[in-house]
């Protein structure tokens, strides 16, 4: 059925009755609009009744189908409640069992902890018994603060001491594991007594091994096997410095006090230090005879301070240097350059000789970097270099005020073109300065770079000394016509260049000096 309006107009969100009527009146009479609205409302009522009838019919059908369901549900309520009660009972029983299991597990864990602590206590007790037996300590529980001095029965004391040191190390680790257990932590005073006793035994045994018995007149020979065990025991205890200090104090220092004297250092001439090489030779001979077999032991050849004993550095080298600084301080004084050079090279040669006692490259590297390098850096090489350069500069200054001798020049030939004879004293002095700078008695290995810079400075000053006068002289000679040989070079204003012969001699000097520098200066360079 057609209406004078759209049915969908009522469904619009912005529907307004007055606007709707105005639009309908504009298209149709009001009677037609009223009639169409009544018909549309009747149609809607019919549709609504049809929907209600349909829903009611479905409701009736569903009611027929669900007839008896309520009674069935009510009949299931009692069994379900019973099942629920049983579920709750099972759940409560399960919780009870879980709690019991957890308590049992906790009890088992506690038992395991007690068992582990007991096992740890037993292990600690066994190790205490072993180490106390080795050290001869009895009744520790009744004498925690007592000083004991029970001698060893075994002849292999050093081996037993090393074993005791290993046990002490293990005991320290075990006590650290049981620090929270009162019965275990209570054993710390006992361990302290064991450690103190072990240190006393080690010191006494090491002193017995390295110090000769004055009762016997024969030469004392150190038992390297026993000393090896003792040194390894000190390494295990992380107390290698004690062994190093004992060797330095008991073996080296008495000999150094006797050997390093001012009279022996001076030799035949007071203040000459000519006896330094003899002192070093005596020390080296003593070290090789007394400690040579000990130094090659593996425990003395390691590179890690925590796993080795540095006897060469701390027990030999350090006492030598300290004694020399305390008693023979003039050895390090650079006031006399020749003496300073002798002392430095002799000391470095001594250090090299000691380094050869190292049986492994690792030990040699440790000795060189830890001990020798700081010792070498402590020498006042800067002052020595300044004194040497001042000495050489004075010789150069004197030569510049000396004129060329008229009969001092011989024209060069092919056979003597490499000769080191020069016409001008300043050239001779320059060459002598270069030779002396690199001579064995002057140059030092740490000063090679400084010596090279000084040599270049000397050559530069020599070239600057002659450059301007020579250029002026050459210009005057070129400007002369045929009397160049007899002309005067007074306009050059240089005392060394007054004639053409002087120019010729200077050219010869420059040529010969250049040859000498290229051929001979580098021959005396130090290897290191």
Protein backbone atom coordinates (compact mmCIF):
# COMPACT_ATOMS: atom_id res chain seq x y z
CA UNK A 1 0.00 0.00 0.00
CA UNK A 2 1.22 3.47 -0.97
CA UNK A 3 1.27 6.36 1.49
CA UNK A 4 1.83 10.03 0.99
CA UNK A 5 4.98 9.77 3.09
CA UNK A 6 7.96 7.46 3.35
CA UNK A 7 7.68 4.77 6.03
CA UNK A 8 11.35 5.17 6.83
CA UNK A 9 10.83 8.81 7.82
CA UNK A 10 9.69 7.69 11.29
CA UNK A 11 12.99 5.85 11.84
CA UNK A 12 15.19 8.92 11.25
CA UNK A 13 17.16 10.20 14.26
CA UNK A 14 16.08 13.81 13.58
CA UNK A 15 12.32 13.03 13.16
CA UNK A 16 10.09 15.97 14.17
CA UNK A 17 6.22 15.73 13.99
CA UNK A 18 5.55 19.35 12.97
CA UNK A 19 8.12 19.23 10.21
CA UNK A 20 6.76 15.88 9.04
CA UNK A 21 3.15 17.25 8.80
CA UNK A 22 4.30 20.35 6.94
CA UNK A 23 6.06 18.24 4.35
CA UNK A 24 3.03 15.93 3.97
CA UNK A 25 0.57 18.91 3.61
CA UNK A 26 2.75 20.39 0.95
CA UNK A 27 2.25 17.25 -1.14
CA UNK A 28 -1.26 16.01 -0.14
CA UNK A 29 -4.47 17.30 1.49
CA UNK A 30 -4.69 17.03 5.25
CA UNK A 31 -7.58 14.53 4.96
CA UNK A 32 -5.38 12.26 2.82
CA UNK A 33 -2.54 12.56 5.31
CA UNK A 34 -4.87 11.69 8.22
CA UNK A 35 -6.24 8.69 6.34
CA UNK A 36 -2.77 7.40 5.43
CA UNK A 37 -1.53 7.77 9.01
CA UNK A 38 -4.49 5.74 10.33
CA UNK A 39 -3.86 3.03 7.75
CA UNK A 40 -0.11 2.94 8.63
CA UNK A 41 -0.90 2.67 12.35
CA UNK A 42 -3.35 -0.16 11.67
CA UNK A 43 -0.67 -1.96 9.72
CA UNK A 44 1.79 -1.62 12.60
CA UNK A 45 -0.76 -2.96 15.09
CA UNK A 46 -1.38 -5.98 12.88
CA UNK A 47 2.35 -6.69 12.66
CA UNK A 48 2.71 -6.39 16.45
CA UNK A 49 -0.18 -8.81 17.06
CA UNK A 50 1.36 -11.29 14.62
CA UNK A 51 4.71 -11.13 16.46
CA UNK A 52 3.02 -11.64 19.84
CA UNK A 53 1.05 -14.60 18.53
CA UNK A 54 4.20 -16.18 17.15
CA UNK A 55 6.19 -15.72 20.38
CA UNK A 56 3.34 -17.11 22.46
CA UNK A 57 3.08 -20.19 20.26
CA UNK A 58 6.82 -20.79 20.63
CA UNK A 59 6.46 -20.31 24.40
CA UNK A 60 3.75 -22.93 24.54
CA UNK A 61 5.83 -25.36 22.51
CA UNK A 62 8.86 -24.80 24.80
CA UNK A 63 6.70 -25.28 27.91
CA UNK A 64 5.50 -28.62 26.55
CA UNK A 65 9.07 -29.67 25.84
CA UNK A 66 10.36 -28.62 29.29
CA UNK A 67 7.60 -30.34 31.17
CA UNK A 68 9.19 -32.55 33.82
CA UNK A 69 12.65 -30.95 33.61
CA UNK A 70 12.14 -29.07 36.88
CA UNK A 71 11.33 -32.26 38.74
CA UNK A 72 14.36 -33.93 37.18
CA UNK A 73 16.60 -31.06 38.25
CA UNK A 74 15.19 -31.19 41.76
CA UNK A 75 15.85 -34.94 41.86
CA UNK A 76 19.56 -34.27 40.97
CA UNK A 77 20.07 -31.65 43.67
CA UNK A 78 20.58 -34.09 46.52
CA UNK A 79 23.18 -36.28 44.72
CA UNK A 80 25.05 -33.18 43.59
CA UNK A 81 25.16 -31.80 47.13
CA UNK A 82 26.49 -35.14 48.33
CA UNK A 83 29.15 -35.14 45.60
CA UNK A 84 30.11 -31.58 46.54
CA UNK A 85 30.50 -32.57 50.18
CA UNK A 86 32.75 -35.45 49.17
CA UNK A 87 34.81 -33.13 46.94
CA UNK A 88 35.29 -30.74 49.85
CA UNK A 89 36.30 -33.63 52.07
CA UNK A 90 38.81 -34.89 49.49
CA UNK A 91 40.17 -31.38 49.06
CA UNK A 92 40.61 -30.96 52.82
CA UNK A 93 42.32 -34.37 53.00
CA UNK A 94 44.58 -33.41 50.10
CA UNK A 95 45.55 -30.15 51.81
CA UNK A 96 46.32 -32.08 54.98
CA UNK A 97 48.50 -34.52 53.06
CA UNK A 98 50.27 -31.65 51.26
CA UNK A 99 51.02 -29.95 54.56
CA UNK A 100 52.33 -33.21 55.95
CA UNK A 101 54.45 -33.73 52.84
CA UNK A 102 55.81 -30.20 53.03
CA UNK A 103 56.64 -30.66 56.68
CA UNK A 104 58.32 -33.94 55.84
CA UNK A 105 60.30 -32.34 53.02
CA UNK A 106 61.36 -29.50 55.33
CA UNK A 107 62.36 -32.07 57.92
CA UNK A 108 64.33 -33.98 55.29
CA UNK A 109 66.02 -30.76 54.15
CA UNK A 110 66.88 -29.96 57.74
CA UNK A 111 68.23 -33.46 58.18
CA UNK A 112 70.27 -33.09 54.99
CA UNK A 113 71.64 -29.79 56.29
CA UNK A 114 72.46 -31.39 59.62
CA UNK A 115 74.03 -34.28 57.79
CA UNK A 116 76.11 -31.94 55.61
CA UNK A 117 77.14 -29.91 58.65
CA UNK A 118 77.98 -33.10 60.50
CA UNK A 119 79.99 -34.37 57.56
CA UNK A 120 81.73 -31.00 57.34
CA UNK A 121 82.44 -31.13 61.07
CA UNK A 122 83.83 -34.65 60.74
CA UNK A 123 86.02 -33.58 57.81
CA UNK A 124 87.24 -30.56 59.74
CA UNK A 125 87.92 -32.70 62.81
CA UNK A 126 89.87 -35.21 60.71
CA UNK A 127 91.94 -32.48 59.10
CA UNK A 128 92.54 -30.82 62.45
CA UNK A 129 93.70 -34.15 63.81
CA UNK A 130 96.01 -34.62 60.82
CA UNK A 131 97.55 -31.17 60.93
CA UNK A 132 97.90 -31.22 64.71
CA UNK A 133 99.60 -34.58 64.48
CA UNK A 134 101.96 -33.21 61.84
CA UNK A 135 102.77 -30.17 63.96
CA UNK A 136 103.00 -32.09 67.22
CA UNK A 137 100.11 -30.22 68.85
CA UNK A 138 98.31 -32.24 71.53
CA UNK A 139 95.10 -31.63 73.52
CA UNK A 140 94.09 -28.60 71.54
CA UNK A 141 90.67 -28.43 73.16
CA UNK A 142 92.33 -27.99 76.56
CA UNK A 143 95.16 -25.73 75.48
CA UNK A 144 93.72 -23.27 73.01
CA UNK A 145 96.05 -20.47 74.11
CA UNK A 146 99.05 -22.55 75.12
CA UNK A 147 102.42 -22.24 73.41
CA UNK A 148 103.50 -25.68 72.32
CA UNK A 149 106.91 -26.78 71.19
CA UNK A 150 106.80 -30.48 70.46
CA UNK A 151 109.61 -31.60 68.16
CA UNK A 152 108.95 -33.62 65.06
CA UNK A 153 109.65 -37.30 65.15
CA UNK A 154 109.91 -37.65 61.39
CA UNK A 155 113.12 -36.68 59.66
CA UNK A 156 111.30 -35.25 56.66
CA UNK A 157 110.13 -32.15 58.46
CA UNK A 158 109.93 -29.92 55.41
CA UNK A 159 107.66 -32.38 53.59
CA UNK A 160 105.39 -32.59 56.60
CA UNK A 161 105.30 -28.82 56.91
CA UNK A 162 104.23 -28.46 53.28
CA UNK A 163 101.50 -31.02 53.87
CA UNK A 164 100.46 -29.16 57.03
CA UNK A 165 100.28 -25.90 55.07
CA UNK A 166 98.03 -27.56 52.52
CA UNK A 167 95.78 -28.85 55.32
CA UNK A 168 95.65 -25.40 56.90
CA UNK A 169 94.59 -23.96 53.56
CA UNK A 170 91.85 -26.58 53.26
CA UNK A 171 90.74 -25.96 56.84
CA UNK A 172 90.39 -22.25 56.17
CA UNK A 173 88.17 -23.00 53.19
CA UNK A 174 86.06 -25.50 55.16
CA UNK A 175 85.59 -23.11 58.07
CA UNK A 176 84.49 -20.44 55.63
CA UNK A 177 81.83 -22.83 54.31
CA UNK A 178 80.50 -23.46 57.82
CA UNK A 179 80.72 -19.92 59.11
CA UNK A 180 76.98 -19.99 59.95
CA UNK A 181 77.30 -23.18 62.00
CA UNK A 182 78.15 -22.36 65.63
CA UNK A 183 80.03 -25.61 66.25
CA UNK A 184 82.20 -25.01 63.19
CA UNK A 185 82.79 -21.30 63.70
CA UNK A 186 83.90 -22.14 67.25
CA UNK A 187 86.94 -23.88 65.73
CA UNK A 188 88.45 -20.60 64.46
CA UNK A 189 90.65 -20.09 67.57
CA UNK A 190 91.89 -23.63 67.08
CA UNK A 191 92.81 -22.83 63.49
CA UNK A 192 94.56 -19.65 64.62
CA UNK A 193 96.72 -21.70 66.99
CA UNK A 194 97.53 -24.16 64.23
CA UNK A 195 98.49 -21.35 61.87
CA UNK A 196 100.67 -19.70 64.50
CA UNK A 197 102.40 -22.98 65.27
CA UNK A 198 102.89 -23.70 61.58
CA UNK A 199 104.50 -20.30 61.03
CA UNK A 200 106.84 -20.90 63.94
CA UNK A 201 107.80 -24.31 62.57
CA UNK A 202 108.32 -22.95 59.08
CA UNK A 203 110.49 -20.07 60.25
CA UNK A 204 112.56 -22.34 62.49
CA UNK A 205 113.00 -24.96 59.79
CA UNK A 206 113.82 -22.45 57.06
CA UNK A 207 116.34 -20.72 59.31
CA UNK A 208 117.92 -24.10 60.05
CA UNK A 209 118.20 -24.87 56.35
CA UNK A 210 119.67 -21.57 55.15
CA UNK A 211 121.83 -20.47 58.11
CA UNK A 212 125.08 -22.41 58.70
CA UNK A 213 125.64 -23.93 62.11
CA UNK A 214 128.53 -22.09 63.72
CA UNK A 215 129.52 -25.29 65.56
CA UNK A 216 130.79 -26.78 62.30
CA UNK A 217 133.64 -25.18 60.38
CA UNK A 218 132.77 -26.77 57.05
CA UNK A 219 130.99 -24.98 54.21
CA UNK A 220 127.23 -24.94 54.68
CA UNK A 221 125.28 -26.35 51.74
CA UNK A 222 121.57 -25.63 51.52
CA UNK A 223 119.36 -28.68 51.07
CA UNK A 224 117.35 -27.57 48.04
CA UNK A 225 114.79 -30.36 48.47
CA UNK A 226 113.87 -29.25 51.96
CA UNK A 227 113.93 -25.57 51.02
CA UNK A 228 111.68 -26.33 48.05
CA UNK A 229 109.04 -27.87 50.35
CA UNK A 230 109.30 -24.96 52.77
CA UNK A 231 108.97 -22.32 50.06
CA UNK A 232 105.97 -24.13 48.59
CA UNK A 233 104.41 -24.16 52.06
CA UNK A 234 104.85 -20.39 52.30
CA UNK A 235 103.26 -19.99 48.87
CA UNK A 236 100.26 -22.07 49.95
CA UNK A 237 99.83 -19.80 52.96
CA UNK A 238 100.15 -16.70 50.72
CA UNK A 239 103.08 -15.58 52.87
CA UNK A 240 105.96 -15.78 50.42
CA UNK A 241 107.16 -12.38 51.62
CA UNK A 242 108.12 -13.94 54.98
CA UNK A 243 110.43 -16.44 53.28
CA UNK A 244 111.86 -13.71 51.06
CA UNK A 245 112.55 -11.49 54.05
CA UNK A 246 114.20 -14.34 55.96
CA UNK A 247 116.56 -15.18 53.11
CA UNK A 248 117.39 -11.50 52.71
CA UNK A 249 118.01 -11.02 56.43
CA UNK A 250 119.81 -14.27 57.25
CA UNK A 251 121.67 -15.10 54.05
CA UNK A 252 122.27 -11.93 52.06
CA UNK A 253 122.44 -9.07 54.54
CA UNK A 254 125.38 -10.36 56.64
CA UNK A 255 127.42 -10.90 53.50
CA UNK A 256 126.46 -7.50 52.09
CA UNK A 257 127.39 -5.73 55.32
CA UNK A 258 130.77 -7.38 55.15
CA UNK A 259 131.33 -6.89 51.43
CA UNK A 260 129.84 -3.48 50.64
CA UNK A 261 132.28 -1.21 52.43
CA UNK A 262 133.61 2.18 51.46
CA UNK A 263 137.18 0.95 51.53
CA UNK A 264 136.42 -1.84 49.08
CA UNK A 265 134.45 0.55 46.87
CA UNK A 266 137.27 3.12 46.68
CA UNK A 267 139.96 0.57 45.87
CA UNK A 268 143.32 2.26 45.36
CA UNK A 269 141.90 5.77 44.90
CA UNK A 270 139.44 7.33 47.29
CA UNK A 271 136.18 8.37 45.63
CA UNK A 272 136.96 6.54 42.38
CA UNK A 273 134.41 3.72 42.86
CA UNK A 274 136.81 1.47 40.98
CA UNK A 275 136.02 -1.38 43.35
CA UNK A 276 132.32 -1.48 42.41
CA UNK A 277 132.83 -4.20 39.81
CA UNK A 278 134.71 -6.26 42.40
CA UNK A 279 131.86 -5.87 44.87
CA UNK A 280 129.33 -6.95 42.27
CA UNK A 281 131.52 -9.91 41.27
CA UNK A 282 131.79 -11.01 44.89
CA UNK A 283 128.02 -10.72 45.37
CA UNK A 284 127.33 -12.65 42.17
CA UNK A 285 129.79 -15.37 43.12
CA UNK A 286 128.24 -15.63 46.58
CA UNK A 287 124.70 -15.81 45.17
CA UNK A 288 125.64 -18.51 42.67
CA UNK A 289 127.44 -20.55 45.32
CA UNK A 290 124.92 -20.08 48.11
CA UNK A 291 121.54 -19.75 46.40
CA UNK A 292 122.14 -20.84 42.81
CA UNK A 293 120.50 -24.23 43.28
CA UNK A 294 117.55 -22.67 45.12
CA UNK A 295 116.88 -20.01 42.50
CA UNK A 296 116.30 -22.58 39.74
CA UNK A 297 113.55 -24.32 41.71
CA UNK A 298 110.15 -24.13 39.97
CA UNK A 299 108.64 -22.32 42.97
CA UNK A 300 111.14 -19.48 42.36
CA UNK A 301 110.62 -19.28 38.59
CA UNK A 302 106.95 -18.32 38.36
CA UNK A 303 105.64 -15.05 37.06
CA UNK A 304 102.65 -14.72 39.40
CA UNK A 305 103.50 -13.38 42.89
CA UNK A 306 100.64 -15.41 44.40
CA UNK A 307 102.05 -18.74 43.18
CA UNK A 308 105.81 -18.23 43.47
CA UNK A 309 108.59 -16.85 45.66
CA UNK A 310 110.65 -13.99 44.23
CA UNK A 311 113.98 -14.70 45.92
CA UNK A 312 116.02 -13.11 43.15
CA UNK A 313 114.15 -9.83 43.34
CA UNK A 314 113.19 -9.43 47.00
CA UNK A 315 115.86 -11.51 48.74
CA UNK A 316 118.92 -10.67 46.61
CA UNK A 317 118.39 -7.61 44.43
CA UNK A 318 116.48 -5.47 46.92
CA UNK A 319 119.01 -5.94 49.79
CA UNK A 320 121.87 -5.18 47.41
CA UNK A 321 120.28 -1.94 46.22
CA UNK A 322 119.14 -0.87 49.70
CA UNK A 323 122.57 -1.54 51.22
CA UNK A 324 124.28 0.34 48.43
CA UNK A 325 122.02 3.35 48.82
CA UNK A 326 122.51 3.34 52.60
CA UNK A 327 126.28 2.80 52.70
CA UNK A 328 127.61 3.68 49.24
CA UNK A 329 125.40 6.56 48.13
CA UNK A 330 128.21 8.19 46.11
CA UNK A 331 127.76 5.44 43.52
CA UNK A 332 124.60 7.20 42.32
CA UNK A 333 126.04 10.75 42.37
CA UNK A 334 126.43 12.21 38.84
CA UNK A 335 128.98 14.86 39.87
CA UNK A 336 131.78 12.98 38.09
CA UNK A 337 130.45 11.90 34.66
CA UNK A 338 133.18 9.30 34.04
CA UNK A 339 132.61 7.70 37.42
CA UNK A 340 128.83 7.88 36.99
CA UNK A 341 129.08 6.16 33.59
CA UNK A 342 131.26 3.43 35.06
CA UNK A 343 128.91 2.89 38.00
CA UNK A 344 125.79 2.80 35.83
CA UNK A 345 127.14 0.39 33.22
CA UNK A 346 128.66 -1.83 35.91
CA UNK A 347 125.36 -1.92 37.81
CA UNK A 348 123.38 -2.75 34.68
CA UNK A 349 125.88 -5.49 33.82
CA UNK A 350 125.41 -6.89 37.32
CA UNK A 351 121.63 -6.83 36.85
CA UNK A 352 122.04 -8.69 33.55
CA UNK A 353 124.21 -11.31 35.24
CA UNK A 354 121.57 -11.81 37.93
CA UNK A 355 118.87 -12.07 35.29
CA UNK A 356 120.75 -14.98 33.74
CA UNK A 357 120.06 -16.92 36.94
CA UNK A 358 116.38 -17.03 35.91
CA UNK A 359 115.56 -20.42 34.43
CA UNK A 360 112.38 -19.31 32.65
CA UNK A 361 111.53 -16.31 30.43
CA UNK A 362 108.62 -15.49 32.74
CA UNK A 363 110.89 -15.14 35.76
CA UNK A 364 113.38 -13.09 33.76
CA UNK A 365 110.63 -10.77 32.56
CA UNK A 366 109.32 -10.31 36.11
CA UNK A 367 112.80 -9.52 37.44
CA UNK A 368 113.47 -7.08 34.61
CA UNK A 369 110.20 -5.16 34.81
CA UNK A 370 109.60 -5.29 38.57
CA UNK A 371 113.09 -4.62 39.87
CA UNK A 372 115.66 -3.66 37.23
CA UNK A 373 113.58 -1.11 35.33
CA UNK A 374 112.71 0.99 38.44
CA UNK A 375 116.36 0.80 39.51
CA UNK A 376 117.52 2.05 36.13
CA UNK A 377 114.97 4.85 36.15
CA UNK A 378 116.18 5.99 39.57
CA UNK A 379 119.58 7.03 38.22
CA UNK A 380 119.95 10.77 37.59
CA UNK A 381 120.65 10.38 33.88
CA UNK A 382 119.39 13.87 33.03
CA UNK A 383 122.09 15.54 35.13
CA UNK A 384 124.72 13.21 33.69
CA UNK A 385 123.68 14.12 30.16
CA UNK A 386 123.79 17.83 30.96
CA UNK A 387 127.30 17.55 32.43
CA UNK A 388 128.54 15.66 29.37
CA UNK A 389 127.00 18.15 26.99
CA UNK A 390 128.42 21.11 28.92
CA UNK A 391 131.87 19.53 28.73
CA UNK A 392 131.57 18.98 24.99
CA UNK A 393 130.09 22.43 24.38
CA UNK A 394 133.07 24.04 26.11
CA UNK A 395 135.44 22.22 23.77
CA UNK A 396 133.43 23.50 20.80
CA UNK A 397 133.47 27.06 22.13
CA UNK A 398 137.26 27.00 22.54
CA UNK A 399 137.77 25.66 19.02
CA UNK A 400 135.77 28.53 17.48
CA UNK A 401 138.28 31.03 18.84
CA UNK A 402 141.27 29.12 17.39
CA UNK A 403 142.47 29.95 13.88
CA UNK A 404 143.60 27.50 11.23
CA UNK A 405 147.31 26.82 11.11
CA UNK A 406 148.76 27.62 7.72
CA UNK A 407 150.67 24.34 7.56
CA UNK A 408 147.87 22.21 8.96
CA UNK A 409 146.24 21.38 5.67
CA UNK A 410 147.32 18.68 3.26
CA UNK A 411 145.27 18.47 0.02
CA UNK A 412 143.23 15.27 0.07
CA UNK A 413 144.05 12.36 -2.18
CA UNK A 414 142.13 9.28 -3.09
CA UNK A 415 143.92 7.22 -0.45
CA UNK A 416 143.26 9.59 2.48
CA UNK A 417 139.81 10.86 1.59
CA UNK A 418 138.46 8.97 4.61
CA UNK A 419 141.00 10.47 7.01
CA UNK A 420 139.77 12.26 10.13
CA UNK A 421 142.36 15.05 9.96
CA UNK A 422 140.84 18.48 9.35
CA UNK A 423 142.18 21.93 8.57
CA UNK A 424 139.99 23.98 10.91
CA UNK A 425 140.09 23.41 14.68
CA UNK A 426 136.31 23.86 14.88
CA UNK A 427 135.85 20.96 12.44
CA UNK A 428 138.27 18.82 14.41
CA UNK A 429 136.49 19.70 17.65
CA UNK A 430 133.08 18.96 16.09
CA UNK A 431 134.25 15.57 14.93
CA UNK A 432 135.82 14.79 18.30
CA UNK A 433 132.59 15.79 20.05
CA UNK A 434 130.59 13.44 17.82
CA UNK A 435 133.02 10.59 18.41
CA UNK A 436 133.06 11.14 22.16
CA UNK A 437 129.26 11.40 22.30
CA UNK A 438 129.02 7.86 20.96
CA UNK A 439 132.12 6.43 22.64
CA UNK A 440 131.86 3.51 25.05
CA UNK A 441 132.75 5.66 28.02
CA UNK A 442 130.08 8.28 27.38
CA UNK A 443 126.96 6.91 25.71
CA UNK A 444 124.36 5.05 27.79
CA UNK A 445 121.59 2.85 26.47
CA UNK A 446 118.74 4.89 28.01
CA UNK A 447 120.22 8.07 26.50
CA UNK A 448 120.58 6.91 22.89
CA UNK A 449 117.73 9.12 21.69
CA UNK A 450 119.06 12.13 23.62
CA UNK A 451 122.58 11.51 22.27
CA UNK A 452 121.21 11.37 18.73
CA UNK A 453 119.40 14.68 19.22
CA UNK A 454 122.56 16.25 20.63
CA UNK A 455 124.63 15.00 17.68
CA UNK A 456 122.16 16.54 15.24
CA UNK A 457 122.30 19.79 17.23
CA UNK A 458 126.12 19.86 17.04
CA UNK A 459 126.06 19.30 13.27
CA UNK A 460 123.36 21.95 12.87
CA UNK A 461 125.41 24.46 14.86
CA UNK A 462 128.49 23.63 12.81
CA UNK A 463 126.57 24.19 9.57
CA UNK A 464 125.11 27.46 10.88
CA UNK A 465 128.60 28.61 11.93
CA UNK A 466 129.90 28.35 8.35
CA UNK A 467 126.79 28.89 6.21
CA UNK A 468 126.69 32.70 5.89
CA UNK A 469 130.49 33.28 5.70
CA UNK A 470 130.87 30.55 3.11
CA UNK A 471 128.06 31.94 0.95
CA UNK A 472 129.62 35.43 1.07
CA UNK A 473 133.08 34.05 0.28
CA UNK A 474 131.82 32.05 -2.68
CA UNK A 475 130.01 35.10 -4.00
CA UNK A 476 133.22 37.17 -3.80
CA UNK A 477 135.25 34.43 -5.50
CA UNK A 478 132.75 34.18 -8.33
CA UNK A 479 132.79 37.94 -8.81
CA UNK A 480 136.62 37.96 -9.14
CA UNK A 481 138.08 37.63 -12.63
CA UNK A 482 141.55 36.06 -12.76
CA UNK A 483 143.10 36.92 -9.41
CA UNK A 484 140.80 34.79 -7.24
CA UNK A 485 143.69 32.89 -5.63
CA UNK A 486 145.35 36.02 -4.29
CA UNK A 487 142.27 38.04 -3.45
CA UNK A 488 141.40 38.90 0.18
CA UNK A 489 138.11 37.90 1.79
CA UNK A 490 138.05 40.55 4.49
CA UNK A 491 134.58 41.58 3.38
CA UNK A 492 133.31 38.23 4.63
CA UNK A 493 133.91 39.46 8.18
CA UNK A 494 134.83 36.02 9.49
CA UNK A 495 138.14 35.26 11.15
CA UNK A 496 138.29 31.75 9.71
CA UNK A 497 137.80 32.78 6.06
CA UNK A 498 140.36 35.33 4.94
CA UNK A 499 141.79 33.74 1.77
CA UNK A 500 140.74 31.41 -1.00
CA UNK A 501 142.84 28.69 0.62
CA UNK A 502 140.59 28.96 3.65
CA UNK A 503 137.56 28.39 1.43
CA UNK A 504 139.23 25.39 -0.17
CA UNK A 505 140.19 23.99 3.23
CA UNK A 506 136.66 24.48 4.50
CA UNK A 507 135.24 22.60 1.54
CA UNK A 508 137.64 19.76 2.23
CA UNK A 509 136.62 19.74 5.90
CA UNK A 510 132.94 19.61 5.02
CA UNK A 511 133.52 16.72 2.64
CA UNK A 512 135.64 14.74 5.08
CA UNK A 513 133.31 15.42 8.01
CA UNK A 514 130.33 14.19 6.02
CA UNK A 515 132.17 10.99 5.14
CA UNK A 516 133.22 10.41 8.74
CA UNK A 517 129.68 10.96 10.03
CA UNK A 518 128.25 8.46 7.57
CA UNK A 519 130.94 5.84 8.09
CA UNK A 520 131.93 5.89 11.73
CA UNK A 521 129.47 7.62 14.07
CA UNK A 522 127.05 4.70 14.38
CA UNK A 523 129.69 2.06 15.10
CA UNK A 524 129.65 2.56 18.86
CA UNK A 525 125.87 2.59 19.29
CA UNK A 526 124.77 0.36 22.18
CA UNK A 527 122.82 -2.73 21.29
CA UNK A 528 120.01 -2.29 23.87
